Structure formats: C-alpha cells, structure tokens
PDB file of N, CA and C in Angstrom:
ATOM      1  N   MET A   1      -8.096  10.073 -51.766  1.00  0.00           N
ATOM      2  CA  MET A   1      -7.287   9.574 -52.861  1.00  0.00           C
ATOM      3  C   MET A   1      -5.817   9.694 -52.473  1.00  0.00           C
ATOM      4  N   LEU A   2      -5.081   8.616 -52.569  1.00  0.00           N
ATOM      5  CA  LEU A   2      -3.670   8.581 -52.207  1.00  0.00           C
ATOM      6  C   LEU A   2      -2.828   8.863 -53.441  1.00  0.00           C
ATOM      7  N   THR A   3      -2.020   9.894 -53.391  1.00  0.00           N
ATOM      8  CA  THR A   3      -1.177  10.257 -54.528  1.00  0.00           C
ATOM      9  C   THR A   3       0.275   9.854 -54.318  1.00  0.00           C
ATOM     10  N   GLY A   4       0.609   9.330 -53.138  1.00  0.00           N
ATOM     11  CA  GLY A   4       1.986   8.955 -52.875  1.00  0.00           C
ATOM     12  C   GLY A   4       2.783  10.104 -52.279  1.00  0.00           C
ATOM     13  N   ARG A   5       2.163  11.238 -52.073  1.00  0.00           N
ATOM     14  CA  ARG A   5       2.843  12.385 -51.484  1.00  0.00           C
ATOM     15  C   ARG A   5       2.429  12.512 -50.023  1.00  0.00           C
ATOM     16  N   ARG A   6       3.368  12.872 -49.211  1.00  0.00           N
ATOM     17  CA  ARG A   6       3.112  13.072 -47.790  1.00  0.00           C
ATOM     18  C   ARG A   6       3.385  14.526 -47.439  1.00  0.00           C
ATOM     19  N   SER A   7       2.696  15.001 -46.425  1.00  0.00           N
ATOM     20  CA  SER A   7       2.894  16.386 -45.997  1.00  0.00           C
ATOM     21  C   SER A   7       4.017  16.452 -44.953  1.00  0.00           C
ATOM     22  N   TRP A   8       4.479  17.675 -44.686  1.00  0.00           N
ATOM     23  CA  TRP A   8       5.488  17.884 -43.646  1.00  0.00           C
ATOM     24  C   TRP A   8       4.894  17.527 -42.286  1.00  0.00           C
ATOM     25  N   ARG A   9       3.609  17.781 -42.109  1.00  0.00           N
ATOM     26  CA  ARG A   9       2.945  17.442 -40.859  1.00  0.00           C
ATOM     27  C   ARG A   9       2.973  15.936 -40.643  1.00  0.00           C
ATOM     28  N   TRP A  10       2.705  15.181 -41.682  1.00  0.00           N
ATOM     29  CA  TRP A  10       2.729  13.724 -41.589  1.00  0.00           C
ATOM     30  C   TRP A  10       4.112  13.262 -41.140  1.00  0.00           C
ATOM     31  N   LEU A  11       5.174  13.844 -41.728  1.00  0.00           N
ATOM     32  CA  LEU A  11       6.541  13.467 -41.363  1.00  0.00           C
ATOM     33  C   LEU A  11       6.825  13.792 -39.895  1.00  0.00           C
ATOM     34  N   ARG A  12       6.388  14.976 -39.426  1.00  0.00           N
ATOM     35  CA  ARG A  12       6.604  15.370 -38.034  1.00  0.00           C
ATOM     36  C   ARG A  12       5.905  14.392 -37.097  1.00  0.00           C
ATOM     37  N   VAL A  13       4.649  14.057 -37.399  1.00  0.00           N
ATOM     38  CA  VAL A  13       3.890  13.123 -36.563  1.00  0.00           C
ATOM     39  C   VAL A  13       4.540  11.745 -36.590  1.00  0.00           C
ATOM     40  N   PHE A  14       5.009  11.328 -37.743  1.00  0.00           N
ATOM     41  CA  PHE A  14       5.670  10.032 -37.875  1.00  0.00           C
ATOM     42  C   PHE A  14       6.917   9.972 -36.990  1.00  0.00           C
ATOM     43  N   ILE A  15       7.739  11.021 -37.035  1.00  0.00           N
ATOM     44  CA  ILE A  15       8.973  11.052 -36.236  1.00  0.00           C
ATOM     45  C   ILE A  15       8.653  11.116 -34.746  1.00  0.00           C
ATOM     46  N   GLU A  16       7.645  11.901 -34.364  1.00  0.00           N
ATOM     47  CA  GLU A  16       7.279  12.016 -32.946  1.00  0.00           C
ATOM     48  C   GLU A  16       6.803  10.692 -32.361  1.00  0.00           C
ATOM     49  N   HIS A  17       6.267   9.809 -33.195  1.00  0.00           N
ATOM     50  CA  HIS A  17       5.735   8.543 -32.700  1.00  0.00           C
ATOM     51  C   HIS A  17       6.696   7.372 -32.872  1.00  0.00           C
ATOM     52  N   LEU A  18       7.933   7.668 -33.241  1.00  0.00           N
ATOM     53  CA  LEU A  18       8.930   6.599 -33.293  1.00  0.00           C
ATOM     54  C   LEU A  18       9.256   6.155 -31.868  1.00  0.00           C
ATOM     55  N   PRO A  19       9.617   4.902 -31.678  1.00  0.00           N
ATOM     56  CA  PRO A  19       9.976   4.452 -30.330  1.00  0.00           C
ATOM     57  C   PRO A  19      11.230   5.179 -29.835  1.00  0.00           C
ATOM     58  N   PRO A  20      11.348   5.404 -28.522  1.00  0.00           N
ATOM     59  CA  PRO A  20      12.494   6.129 -27.985  1.00  0.00           C
ATOM     60  C   PRO A  20      13.830   5.471 -28.305  1.00  0.00           C
ATOM     61  N   GLU A  21      13.838   4.147 -28.496  1.00  0.00           N
ATOM     62  CA  GLU A  21      15.097   3.453 -28.771  1.00  0.00           C
ATOM     63  C   GLU A  21      15.435   3.387 -30.268  1.00  0.00           C
ATOM     64  N   SER A  22      14.632   4.019 -31.117  1.00  0.00           N
ATOM     65  CA  SER A  22      14.903   3.992 -32.564  1.00  0.00           C
ATOM     66  C   SER A  22      16.172   4.779 -32.894  1.00  0.00           C
ATOM     67  N   HIS A  23      16.751   4.488 -34.043  1.00  0.00           N
ATOM     68  CA  HIS A  23      17.969   5.177 -34.467  1.00  0.00           C
ATOM     69  C   HIS A  23      17.733   6.673 -34.622  1.00  0.00           C
ATOM     70  N   THR A  24      16.587   7.048 -35.150  1.00  0.00           N
ATOM     71  CA  THR A  24      16.288   8.464 -35.360  1.00  0.00           C
ATOM     72  C   THR A  24      16.212   9.205 -34.036  1.00  0.00           C
ATOM     73  N   MET A  25      15.470   8.662 -33.069  1.00  0.00           N
ATOM     74  CA  MET A  25      15.348   9.325 -31.766  1.00  0.00           C
ATOM     75  C   MET A  25      16.687   9.351 -31.042  1.00  0.00           C
ATOM     76  N   THR A  26      17.476   8.304 -31.175  1.00  0.00           N
ATOM     77  CA  THR A  26      18.806   8.279 -30.562  1.00  0.00           C
ATOM     78  C   THR A  26      19.692   9.353 -31.176  1.00  0.00           C
ATOM     79  N   ALA A  27      19.641   9.501 -32.504  1.00  0.00           N
ATOM     80  CA  ALA A  27      20.440  10.531 -33.170  1.00  0.00           C
ATOM     81  C   ALA A  27      19.999  11.931 -32.743  1.00  0.00           C
ATOM     82  N   LEU A  28      18.688  12.134 -32.592  1.00  0.00           N
ATOM     83  CA  LEU A  28      18.196  13.440 -32.142  1.00  0.00           C
ATOM     84  C   LEU A  28      18.673  13.741 -30.719  1.00  0.00           C
ATOM     85  N   ARG A  29      18.642  12.739 -29.841  1.00  0.00           N
ATOM     86  CA  ARG A  29      19.127  12.937 -28.466  1.00  0.00           C
ATOM     87  C   ARG A  29      20.623  13.203 -28.448  1.00  0.00           C
ATOM     88  N   ASN A  30      21.379  12.467 -29.263  1.00  0.00           N
ATOM     89  CA  ASN A  30      22.836  12.631 -29.283  1.00  0.00           C
ATOM     90  C   ASN A  30      23.253  13.988 -29.843  1.00  0.00           C
ATOM     91  N   ALA A  31      22.379  14.631 -30.612  1.00  0.00           N
ATOM     92  CA  ALA A  31      22.703  15.927 -31.196  1.00  0.00           C
ATOM     93  C   ALA A  31      22.461  17.087 -30.227  1.00  0.00           C
ATOM     94  N   LEU A  32      21.853  16.809 -29.071  1.00  0.00           N
ATOM     95  CA  LEU A  32      21.559  17.870 -28.113  1.00  0.00           C
ATOM     96  C   LEU A  32      22.833  18.335 -27.413  1.00  0.00           C
ATOM     97  N   THR A  33      22.881  19.624 -27.116  1.00  0.00           N
ATOM     98  CA  THR A  33      24.005  20.182 -26.366  1.00  0.00           C
ATOM     99  C   THR A  33      23.823  19.843 -24.884  1.00  0.00           C
ATOM    100  N   PRO A  34      24.889  19.943 -24.094  1.00  0.00           N
ATOM    101  CA  PRO A  34      24.744  19.682 -22.649  1.00  0.00           C
ATOM    102  C   PRO A  34      23.716  20.604 -21.994  1.00  0.00           C
ATOM    103  N   GLU A  35      23.603  21.842 -22.450  1.00  0.00           N
ATOM    104  CA  GLU A  35      22.622  22.776 -21.897  1.00  0.00           C
ATOM    105  C   GLU A  35      21.195  22.313 -22.211  1.00  0.00           C
ATOM    106  N   GLN A  36      20.984  21.856 -23.444  1.00  0.00           N
ATOM    107  CA  GLN A  36      19.663  21.365 -23.823  1.00  0.00           C
ATOM    108  C   GLN A  36      19.297  20.100 -23.041  1.00  0.00           C
ATOM    109  N   LEU A  37      20.286  19.221 -22.838  1.00  0.00           N
ATOM    110  CA  LEU A  37      20.039  18.013 -22.052  1.00  0.00           C
ATOM    111  C   LEU A  37      19.684  18.369 -20.611  1.00  0.00           C
ATOM    112  N   ALA A  38      20.402  19.344 -20.035  1.00  0.00           N
ATOM    113  CA  ALA A  38      20.117  19.765 -18.660  1.00  0.00           C
ATOM    114  C   ALA A  38      18.714  20.362 -18.566  1.00  0.00           C
ATOM    115  N   ALA A  39      18.322  21.161 -19.569  1.00  0.00           N
ATOM    116  CA  ALA A  39      16.984  21.769 -19.565  1.00  0.00           C
ATOM    117  C   ALA A  39      15.907  20.692 -19.661  1.00  0.00           C
ATOM    118  N   GLN A  40      16.137  19.678 -20.475  1.00  0.00           N
ATOM    119  CA  GLN A  40      15.160  18.592 -20.595  1.00  0.00           C
ATOM    120  C   GLN A  40      15.082  17.773 -19.319  1.00  0.00           C
ATOM    121  N   ALA A  41      16.225  17.586 -18.653  1.00  0.00           N
ATOM    122  CA  ALA A  41      16.219  16.829 -17.399  1.00  0.00           C
ATOM    123  C   ALA A  41      15.458  17.593 -16.322  1.00  0.00           C
ATOM    124  N   GLU A  42      15.599  18.918 -16.314  1.00  0.00           N
ATOM    125  CA  GLU A  42      14.895  19.749 -15.324  1.00  0.00           C
ATOM    126  C   GLU A  42      13.384  19.711 -15.554  1.00  0.00           C
ATOM    127  N   GLY A  43      12.975  19.886 -16.808  1.00  0.00           N
ATOM    128  CA  GLY A  43      11.548  19.985 -17.111  1.00  0.00           C
ATOM    129  C   GLY A  43      10.941  18.711 -17.636  1.00  0.00           C
ATOM    130  N   GLY A  44      11.635  17.588 -17.448  1.00  0.00           N
ATOM    131  CA  GLY A  44      11.140  16.333 -17.982  1.00  0.00           C
ATOM    132  C   GLY A  44       9.813  15.927 -17.361  1.00  0.00           C
ATOM    133  N   GLU A  45       8.927  15.444 -18.180  1.00  0.00           N
ATOM    134  CA  GLU A  45       7.620  14.978 -17.715  1.00  0.00           C
ATOM    135  C   GLU A  45       7.366  13.584 -18.287  1.00  0.00           C
ATOM    136  N   PRO A  46       7.903  12.543 -17.630  1.00  0.00           N
ATOM    137  CA  PRO A  46       7.750  11.201 -18.181  1.00  0.00           C
ATOM    138  C   PRO A  46       6.307  10.756 -18.309  1.00  0.00           C
ATOM    139  N   GLU A  47       5.416  11.367 -17.517  1.00  0.00           N
ATOM    140  CA  GLU A  47       4.014  10.953 -17.604  1.00  0.00           C
ATOM    141  C   GLU A  47       3.382  11.353 -18.926  1.00  0.00           C
ATOM    142  N   LYS A  48       4.039  12.212 -19.716  1.00  0.00           N
ATOM    143  CA  LYS A  48       3.490  12.619 -21.007  1.00  0.00           C
ATOM    144  C   LYS A  48       4.091  11.826 -22.173  1.00  0.00           C
ATOM    145  N   SER A  49       4.990  10.912 -21.868  1.00  0.00           N
ATOM    146  CA  SER A  49       5.624  10.144 -22.938  1.00  0.00           C
ATOM    147  C   SER A  49       4.942   8.792 -23.106  1.00  0.00           C
ATOM    148  N   ARG A  50       5.420   8.025 -24.063  1.00  0.00           N
ATOM    149  CA  ARG A  50       4.865   6.693 -24.315  1.00  0.00           C
ATOM    150  C   ARG A  50       5.847   5.654 -23.773  1.00  0.00           C
ATOM    151  N   TRP A  51       5.335   4.647 -23.094  1.00  0.00           N
ATOM    152  CA  TRP A  51       6.173   3.578 -22.576  1.00  0.00           C
ATOM    153  C   TRP A  51       5.715   2.257 -23.154  1.00  0.00           C
ATOM    154  N   SER A  52       6.691   1.390 -23.405  1.00  0.00           N
ATOM    155  CA  SER A  52       6.369   0.046 -23.860  1.00  0.00           C
ATOM    156  C   SER A  52       5.986  -0.812 -22.650  1.00  0.00           C
ATOM    157  N   GLN A  53       5.501  -1.995 -22.915  1.00  0.00           N
ATOM    158  CA  GLN A  53       5.137  -2.923 -21.839  1.00  0.00           C
ATOM    159  C   GLN A  53       6.368  -3.249 -20.996  1.00  0.00           C
ATOM    160  N   THR A  54       7.510  -3.395 -21.633  1.00  0.00           N
ATOM    161  CA  THR A  54       8.750  -3.699 -20.908  1.00  0.00           C
ATOM    162  C   THR A  54       9.102  -2.564 -19.948  1.00  0.00           C
ATOM    163  N   GLU A  55       8.967  -1.330 -20.403  1.00  0.00           N
ATOM    164  CA  GLU A  55       9.266  -0.185 -19.542  1.00  0.00           C
ATOM    165  C   GLU A  55       8.295  -0.108 -18.374  1.00  0.00           C
ATOM    166  N   GLN A  56       7.040  -0.421 -18.611  1.00  0.00           N
ATOM    167  CA  GLN A  56       6.051  -0.429 -17.529  1.00  0.00           C
ATOM    168  C   GLN A  56       6.426  -1.476 -16.477  1.00  0.00           C
ATOM    169  N   LEU A  57       6.774  -2.675 -16.927  1.00  0.00           N
ATOM    170  CA  LEU A  57       7.143  -3.741 -16.000  1.00  0.00           C
ATOM    171  C   LEU A  57       8.420  -3.402 -15.240  1.00  0.00           C
ATOM    172  N   LEU A  58       9.380  -2.794 -15.906  1.00  0.00           N
ATOM    173  CA  LEU A  58      10.621  -2.402 -15.258  1.00  0.00           C
ATOM    174  C   LEU A  58      10.363  -1.347 -14.177  1.00  0.00           C
ATOM    175  N   ALA A  59       9.449  -0.424 -14.439  1.00  0.00           N
ATOM    176  CA  ALA A  59       9.102   0.592 -13.446  1.00  0.00           C
ATOM    177  C   ALA A  59       8.444  -0.062 -12.229  1.00  0.00           C
ATOM    178  N   VAL A  60       7.594  -1.059 -12.451  1.00  0.00           N
ATOM    179  CA  VAL A  60       6.960  -1.772 -11.340  1.00  0.00           C
ATOM    180  C   VAL A  60       8.025  -2.460 -10.490  1.00  0.00           C
ATOM    181  N   VAL A  61       8.971  -3.125 -11.137  1.00  0.00           N
ATOM    182  CA  VAL A  61      10.039  -3.814 -10.409  1.00  0.00           C
ATOM    183  C   VAL A  61      10.873  -2.815  -9.611  1.00  0.00           C
ATOM    184  N   ALA A  62      11.230  -1.685 -10.228  1.00  0.00           N
ATOM    185  CA  ALA A  62      12.020  -0.665  -9.532  1.00  0.00           C
ATOM    186  C   ALA A  62      11.260  -0.117  -8.329  1.00  0.00           C
ATOM    187  N   ASP A  63       9.959   0.111  -8.473  1.00  0.00           N
ATOM    188  CA  ASP A  63       9.150   0.604  -7.359  1.00  0.00           C
ATOM    189  C   ASP A  63       9.110  -0.410  -6.217  1.00  0.00           C
ATOM    190  N   ARG A  64       8.963  -1.669  -6.554  1.00  0.00           N
ATOM    191  CA  ARG A  64       8.869  -2.695  -5.512  1.00  0.00           C
ATOM    192  C   ARG A  64      10.207  -2.910  -4.804  1.00  0.00           C
ATOM    193  N   VAL A  65      11.308  -2.813  -5.533  1.00  0.00           N
ATOM    194  CA  VAL A  65      12.626  -2.922  -4.904  1.00  0.00           C
ATOM    195  C   VAL A  65      12.845  -1.739  -3.963  1.00  0.00           C
ATOM    196  N   ALA A  66      12.465  -0.539  -4.394  1.00  0.00           N
ATOM    197  CA  ALA A  66      12.600   0.641  -3.536  1.00  0.00           C
ATOM    198  C   ALA A  66      11.738   0.482  -2.288  1.00  0.00           C
ATOM    199  N   ARG A  67      10.548  -0.060  -2.440  1.00  0.00           N
ATOM    200  CA  ARG A  67       9.656  -0.266  -1.293  1.00  0.00           C
ATOM    201  C   ARG A  67      10.243  -1.298  -0.333  1.00  0.00           C
ATOM    202  N   LEU A  68      10.819  -2.382  -0.859  1.00  0.00           N
ATOM    203  CA  LEU A  68      11.452  -3.391  -0.006  1.00  0.00           C
ATOM    204  C   LEU A  68      12.636  -2.794   0.756  1.00  0.00           C
ATOM    205  N   GLU A  69      13.416  -1.969   0.089  1.00  0.00           N
ATOM    206  CA  GLU A  69      14.545  -1.305   0.741  1.00  0.00           C
ATOM    207  C   GLU A  69      14.048  -0.415   1.882  1.00  0.00           C
ATOM    208  N   TRP A  70      12.970   0.323   1.630  1.00  0.00           N
ATOM    209  CA  TRP A  70      12.394   1.204   2.647  1.00  0.00           C
ATOM    210  C   TRP A  70      11.896   0.395   3.849  1.00  0.00           C
ATOM    211  N   VAL A  71      11.208  -0.711   3.575  1.00  0.00           N
ATOM    212  CA  VAL A  71      10.703  -1.561   4.655  1.00  0.00           C
ATOM    213  C   VAL A  71      11.864  -2.122   5.466  1.00  0.00           C
ATOM    214  N   LEU A  72      12.921  -2.548   4.802  1.00  0.00           N
ATOM    215  CA  LEU A  72      14.092  -3.090   5.489  1.00  0.00           C
ATOM    216  C   LEU A  72      14.721  -2.024   6.396  1.00  0.00           C
ATOM    217  N   ILE A  73      14.813  -0.809   5.926  1.00  0.00           N
ATOM    218  CA  ILE A  73      15.364   0.286   6.746  1.00  0.00           C
ATOM    219  C   ILE A  73      14.462   0.538   7.942  1.00  0.00           C
ATOM    220  N   CYS A  74      13.140   0.574   7.719  1.00  0.00           N
ATOM    221  CA  CYS A  74      12.196   0.825   8.821  1.00  0.00           C
ATOM    222  C   CYS A  74      12.251  -0.272   9.877  1.00  0.00           C
ATOM    223  N   VAL A  75      12.360  -1.518   9.455  1.00  0.00           N
ATOM    224  CA  VAL A  75      12.388  -2.639  10.390  1.00  0.00           C
ATOM    225  C   VAL A  75      13.664  -2.600  11.242  1.00  0.00           C
ATOM    226  N   ASN A  76      14.757  -2.146  10.661  1.00  0.00           N
ATOM    227  CA  ASN A  76      16.034  -2.123  11.375  1.00  0.00           C
ATOM    228  C   ASN A  76      16.347  -0.777  12.019  1.00  0.00           C
ATOM    229  N   THR A  77      15.378   0.106  12.099  1.00  0.00           N
ATOM    230  CA  THR A  77      15.552   1.395  12.759  1.00  0.00           C
ATOM    231  C   THR A  77      14.930   1.310  14.138  1.00  0.00           C
ATOM    232  N   GLU A  78      15.597   1.907  15.117  1.00  0.00           N
ATOM    233  CA  GLU A  78      15.044   1.893  16.472  1.00  0.00           C
ATOM    234  C   GLU A  78      13.698   2.592  16.505  1.00  0.00           C
ATOM    235  N   LYS A  79      12.843   2.176  17.421  1.00  0.00           N
ATOM    236  CA  LYS A  79      11.478   2.694  17.465  1.00  0.00           C
ATOM    237  C   LYS A  79      11.430   4.193  17.703  1.00  0.00           C
ATOM    238  N   LYS A  80      12.351   4.739  18.475  1.00  0.00           N
ATOM    239  CA  LYS A  80      12.316   6.161  18.784  1.00  0.00           C
ATOM    240  C   LYS A  80      12.965   7.022  17.705  1.00  0.00           C
ATOM    241  N   SER A  81      13.664   6.408  16.771  1.00  0.00           N
ATOM    242  CA  SER A  81      14.323   7.168  15.702  1.00  0.00           C
ATOM    243  C   SER A  81      13.316   7.553  14.620  1.00  0.00           C
ATOM    244  N   LYS A  82      13.656   8.624  13.918  1.00  0.00           N
ATOM    245  CA  LYS A  82      12.787   9.062  12.816  1.00  0.00           C
ATOM    246  C   LYS A  82      12.991   8.133  11.631  1.00  0.00           C
ATOM    247  N   ARG A  83      11.909   7.657  11.087  1.00  0.00           N
ATOM    248  CA  ARG A  83      11.981   6.770   9.924  1.00  0.00           C
ATOM    249  C   ARG A  83      11.923   7.595   8.652  1.00  0.00           C
ATOM    250  N   PRO A  84      12.536   7.098   7.594  1.00  0.00           N
ATOM    251  CA  PRO A  84      12.491   7.845   6.323  1.00  0.00           C
ATOM    252  C   PRO A  84      11.093   7.807   5.716  1.00  0.00           C
ATOM    253  N   ASP A  85      10.834   8.771   4.842  1.00  0.00           N
ATOM    254  CA  ASP A  85       9.561   8.786   4.112  1.00  0.00           C
ATOM    255  C   ASP A  85       9.523   7.626   3.135  1.00  0.00           C
ATOM    256  N   PRO A  86       8.338   7.094   2.837  1.00  0.00           N
ATOM    257  CA  PRO A  86       8.264   6.017   1.844  1.00  0.00           C
ATOM    258  C   PRO A  86       8.712   6.526   0.474  1.00  0.00           C
ATOM    259  N   PRO A  87       9.260   5.644  -0.355  1.00  0.00           N
ATOM    260  CA  PRO A  87       9.759   6.086  -1.654  1.00  0.00           C
ATOM    261  C   PRO A  87       8.637   6.504  -2.600  1.00  0.00           C
ATOM    262  N   GLU A  88       8.949   7.465  -3.447  1.00  0.00           N
ATOM    263  CA  GLU A  88       7.997   7.905  -4.472  1.00  0.00           C
ATOM    264  C   GLU A  88       8.065   6.922  -5.632  1.00  0.00           C
ATOM    265  N   PRO A  89       6.927   6.473  -6.147  1.00  0.00           N
ATOM    266  CA  PRO A  89       6.967   5.590  -7.315  1.00  0.00           C
ATOM    267  C   PRO A  89       7.440   6.354  -8.557  1.00  0.00           C
ATOM    268  N   ILE A  90       7.980   5.636  -9.497  1.00  0.00           N
ATOM    269  CA  ILE A  90       8.407   6.230 -10.756  1.00  0.00           C
ATOM    270  C   ILE A  90       7.180   6.765 -11.473  1.00  0.00           C
ATOM    271  N   ARG A  91       7.286   7.991 -11.974  1.00  0.00           N
ATOM    272  CA  ARG A  91       6.146   8.582 -12.678  1.00  0.00           C
ATOM    273  C   ARG A  91       5.932   7.853 -14.004  1.00  0.00           C
ATOM    274  N   ARG A  92       4.673   7.546 -14.270  1.00  0.00           N
ATOM    275  CA  ARG A  92       4.318   6.793 -15.465  1.00  0.00           C
ATOM    276  C   ARG A  92       3.514   7.648 -16.431  1.00  0.00           C
ATOM    277  N   PRO A  93       3.490   7.252 -17.711  1.00  0.00           N
ATOM    278  CA  PRO A  93       2.697   8.003 -18.688  1.00  0.00           C
ATOM    279  C   PRO A  93       1.229   8.043 -18.297  1.00  0.00           C
ATOM    280  N   GLY A  94       0.644   9.206 -18.434  1.00  0.00           N
ATOM    281  CA  GLY A  94      -0.769   9.371 -18.150  1.00  0.00           C
ATOM    282  C   GLY A  94      -1.084   9.635 -16.695  1.00  0.00           C
ATOM    283  N   ALA A  95      -0.071   9.692 -15.845  1.00  0.00           N
ATOM    284  CA  ALA A  95      -0.290   9.954 -14.418  1.00  0.00           C
ATOM    285  C   ALA A  95       0.650  11.053 -13.967  1.00  0.00           C
ATOM    286  N   GLY A  96       0.085  12.097 -13.408  1.00  0.00           N
ATOM    287  CA  GLY A  96       0.890  13.200 -12.905  1.00  0.00           C
ATOM    288  C   GLY A  96       1.586  12.819 -11.614  1.00  0.00           C
ATOM    289  N   PRO A  97       2.458  13.692 -11.117  1.00  0.00           N
ATOM    290  CA  PRO A  97       3.127  13.391  -9.861  1.00  0.00           C
ATOM    291  C   PRO A  97       2.125  13.330  -8.715  1.00  0.00           C
ATOM    292  N   ARG A  98       2.400  12.492  -7.749  1.00  0.00           N
ATOM    293  CA  ARG A  98       1.499  12.357  -6.608  1.00  0.00           C
ATOM    294  C   ARG A  98       1.561  13.615  -5.760  1.00  0.00           C
ATOM    295  N   LYS A  99       0.392  13.994  -5.272  1.00  0.00           N
ATOM    296  CA  LYS A  99       0.321  15.167  -4.408  1.00  0.00           C
ATOM    297  C   LYS A  99       0.563  14.720  -2.973  1.00  0.00           C
ATOM    298  N   ARG A 100       1.315  15.523  -2.272  1.00  0.00           N
ATOM    299  CA  ARG A 100       1.590  15.228  -0.869  1.00  0.00           C
ATOM    300  C   ARG A 100       0.343  15.482  -0.033  1.00  0.00           C
ATOM    301  N   LYS A 101       0.152  14.658   0.968  1.00  0.00           N
ATOM    302  CA  LYS A 101      -0.963  14.860   1.875  1.00  0.00           C
ATOM    303  C   LYS A 101      -0.657  16.078   2.740  1.00  0.00           C
ATOM    304  N   PRO A 102      -1.656  16.921   2.960  1.00  0.00           N
ATOM    305  CA  PRO A 102      -1.399  18.088   3.807  1.00  0.00           C
ATOM    306  C   PRO A 102      -1.121  17.663   5.245  1.00  0.00           C
ATOM    307  N   GLN A 103      -0.165  18.344   5.854  1.00  0.00           N
ATOM    308  CA  GLN A 103       0.189  18.053   7.246  1.00  0.00           C
ATOM    309  C   GLN A 103      -0.728  18.837   8.177  1.00  0.00           C
ATOM    310  N   LEU A 104      -1.113  18.234   9.269  1.00  0.00           N
ATOM    311  CA  LEU A 104      -1.974  18.883  10.250  1.00  0.00           C
ATOM    312  C   LEU A 104      -1.093  19.709  11.188  1.00  0.00           C
ATOM    313  N   THR A 105      -1.215  21.026  11.098  1.00  0.00           N
ATOM    314  CA  THR A 105      -0.437  21.918  11.967  1.00  0.00           C
ATOM    315  C   THR A 105      -1.149  22.090  13.298  1.00  0.00           C
ATOM    316  N   ASN A 106      -0.447  22.657  14.261  1.00  0.00           N
ATOM    317  CA  ASN A 106      -1.051  22.886  15.580  1.00  0.00           C
ATOM    318  C   ASN A 106      -2.242  23.830  15.477  1.00  0.00           C
ATOM    319  N   THR A 107      -2.119  24.870  14.648  1.00  0.00           N
ATOM    320  CA  THR A 107      -3.207  25.837  14.491  1.00  0.00           C
ATOM    321  C   THR A 107      -4.442  25.163  13.904  1.00  0.00           C
ATOM    322  N   SER A 108      -4.247  24.389  12.847  1.00  0.00           N
ATOM    323  CA  SER A 108      -5.402  23.732  12.235  1.00  0.00           C
ATOM    324  C   SER A 108      -5.961  22.637  13.148  1.00  0.00           C
ATOM    325  N   ALA A 109      -5.110  21.996  13.949  1.00  0.00           N
ATOM    326  CA  ALA A 109      -5.594  20.987  14.895  1.00  0.00           C
ATOM    327  C   ALA A 109      -6.453  21.643  15.978  1.00  0.00           C
ATOM    328  N   ASP A 110      -5.998  22.819  16.459  1.00  0.00           N
ATOM    329  CA  ASP A 110      -6.796  23.543  17.461  1.00  0.00           C
ATOM    330  C   ASP A 110      -8.144  23.962  16.879  1.00  0.00           C
ATOM    331  N   ARG A 111      -8.123  24.450  15.644  1.00  0.00           N
ATOM    332  CA  ARG A 111      -9.374  24.881  14.996  1.00  0.00           C
ATOM    333  C   ARG A 111     -10.320  23.691  14.814  1.00  0.00           C
ATOM    334  N   LEU A 112      -9.771  22.558  14.402  1.00  0.00           N
ATOM    335  CA  LEU A 112     -10.579  21.355  14.233  1.00  0.00           C
ATOM    336  C   LEU A 112     -11.184  20.925  15.567  1.00  0.00           C
ATOM    337  N   PHE A 113     -10.399  20.983  16.629  1.00  0.00           N
ATOM    338  CA  PHE A 113     -10.891  20.625  17.952  1.00  0.00           C
ATOM    339  C   PHE A 113     -12.051  21.547  18.369  1.00  0.00           C
ATOM    340  N   GLU A 114     -11.899  22.847  18.094  1.00  0.00           N
ATOM    341  CA  GLU A 114     -12.977  23.809  18.404  1.00  0.00           C
ATOM    342  C   GLU A 114     -14.256  23.468  17.637  1.00  0.00           C
ATOM    343  N   LEU A 115     -14.102  23.147  16.351  1.00  0.00           N
ATOM    344  CA  LEU A 115     -15.264  22.804  15.542  1.00  0.00           C
ATOM    345  C   LEU A 115     -15.957  21.547  16.045  1.00  0.00           C
ATOM    346  N   LEU A 116     -15.164  20.566  16.469  1.00  0.00           N
ATOM    347  CA  LEU A 116     -15.739  19.323  16.970  1.00  0.00           C
ATOM    348  C   LEU A 116     -16.445  19.517  18.306  1.00  0.00           C
ATOM    349  N   GLN A 117     -16.025  20.513  19.055  1.00  0.00           N
ATOM    350  CA  GLN A 117     -16.628  20.780  20.359  1.00  0.00           C
ATOM    351  C   GLN A 117     -17.824  21.744  20.257  1.00  0.00           C
ATOM    352  N   GLY A 118     -18.225  22.053  19.022  1.00  0.00           N
ATOM    353  CA  GLY A 118     -19.391  22.912  18.838  1.00  0.00           C
ATOM    354  C   GLY A 118     -19.051  24.390  18.786  1.00  0.00           C
ATOM    355  N   GLY A 119     -17.808  24.723  18.509  1.00  0.00           N
ATOM    356  CA  GLY A 119     -17.389  26.120  18.474  1.00  0.00           C
ATOM    357  C   GLY A 119     -17.465  26.723  17.090  1.00  0.00           C
ATOM    358  N   ALA A 120     -18.323  26.215  16.225  1.00  0.00           N
ATOM    359  CA  ALA A 120     -18.417  26.736  14.853  1.00  0.00           C
ATOM    360  C   ALA A 120     -19.134  28.060  14.799  1.00  0.00           C
ATOM    361  N   ALA A 121     -19.893  28.396  15.804  1.00  0.00           N
ATOM    362  CA  ALA A 121     -20.700  29.620  15.759  1.00  0.00           C
ATOM    363  C   ALA A 121     -19.909  30.852  16.056  1.00  0.00           C
TER     364      ALA A 121
END
C-alpha cells in the first residue's frame, strides 16, 4: 500500500543512482575538500561505478587511440631498442584491473628445464 511517504533509505538509494552529471552529484563533488578529492582519486575504483553508453564508447575510442600511438612508437623505434609496454585499457564498470602476466625468471626457467628433462623425481 502506497501512502505517499518515503523512507530515508529510499532517498539514499535514489541519490546514489542519480547520473554522475546530475546537478545533485555535481554539487556533492563540488562540496568536497581538496583532501577528500585526493583520497577519492587515490582509491578510485571506476569498475564499481555506472557508465552510460556514451562513456563506454568514449573509453573504447581512448583505448584505440592509445593503442595506435603505441603501435606508431613501436614501428618507429629501432629494432635493438627497448620498446614501451602496451597501454593499459581504461578500467570499466564490472571489470577489475588487469593482472600482469608473471615474468619467467632465470631460476624458474632452470627449474622448468629440469622438469621437462625428467628431473621431477
């Protein structure tokens, strides 16, 4: 039965689900102190936020431009020079940061070689 009354919880949920560009969310961001903004920038987790279709498409474009820039640098770098690492894609909602592939060290390479040669015993 609807009585026309809303709870404080309803209001909190309503405000949390406003779009980031809404006047309310903008006012809340503008009210933050520089210390609070710095703390949010440090611990920001964009993968836990909501993105519109436009933001998703913009992230794809930014990733592809970064990839093209990386390819251009690699193509124009001498073969013996160290090439830069490929760019990290922009983190998206629902996806955590990518995990780096483990590097094969000399010790682990030697151990792997022993195992392949039948030295597991």
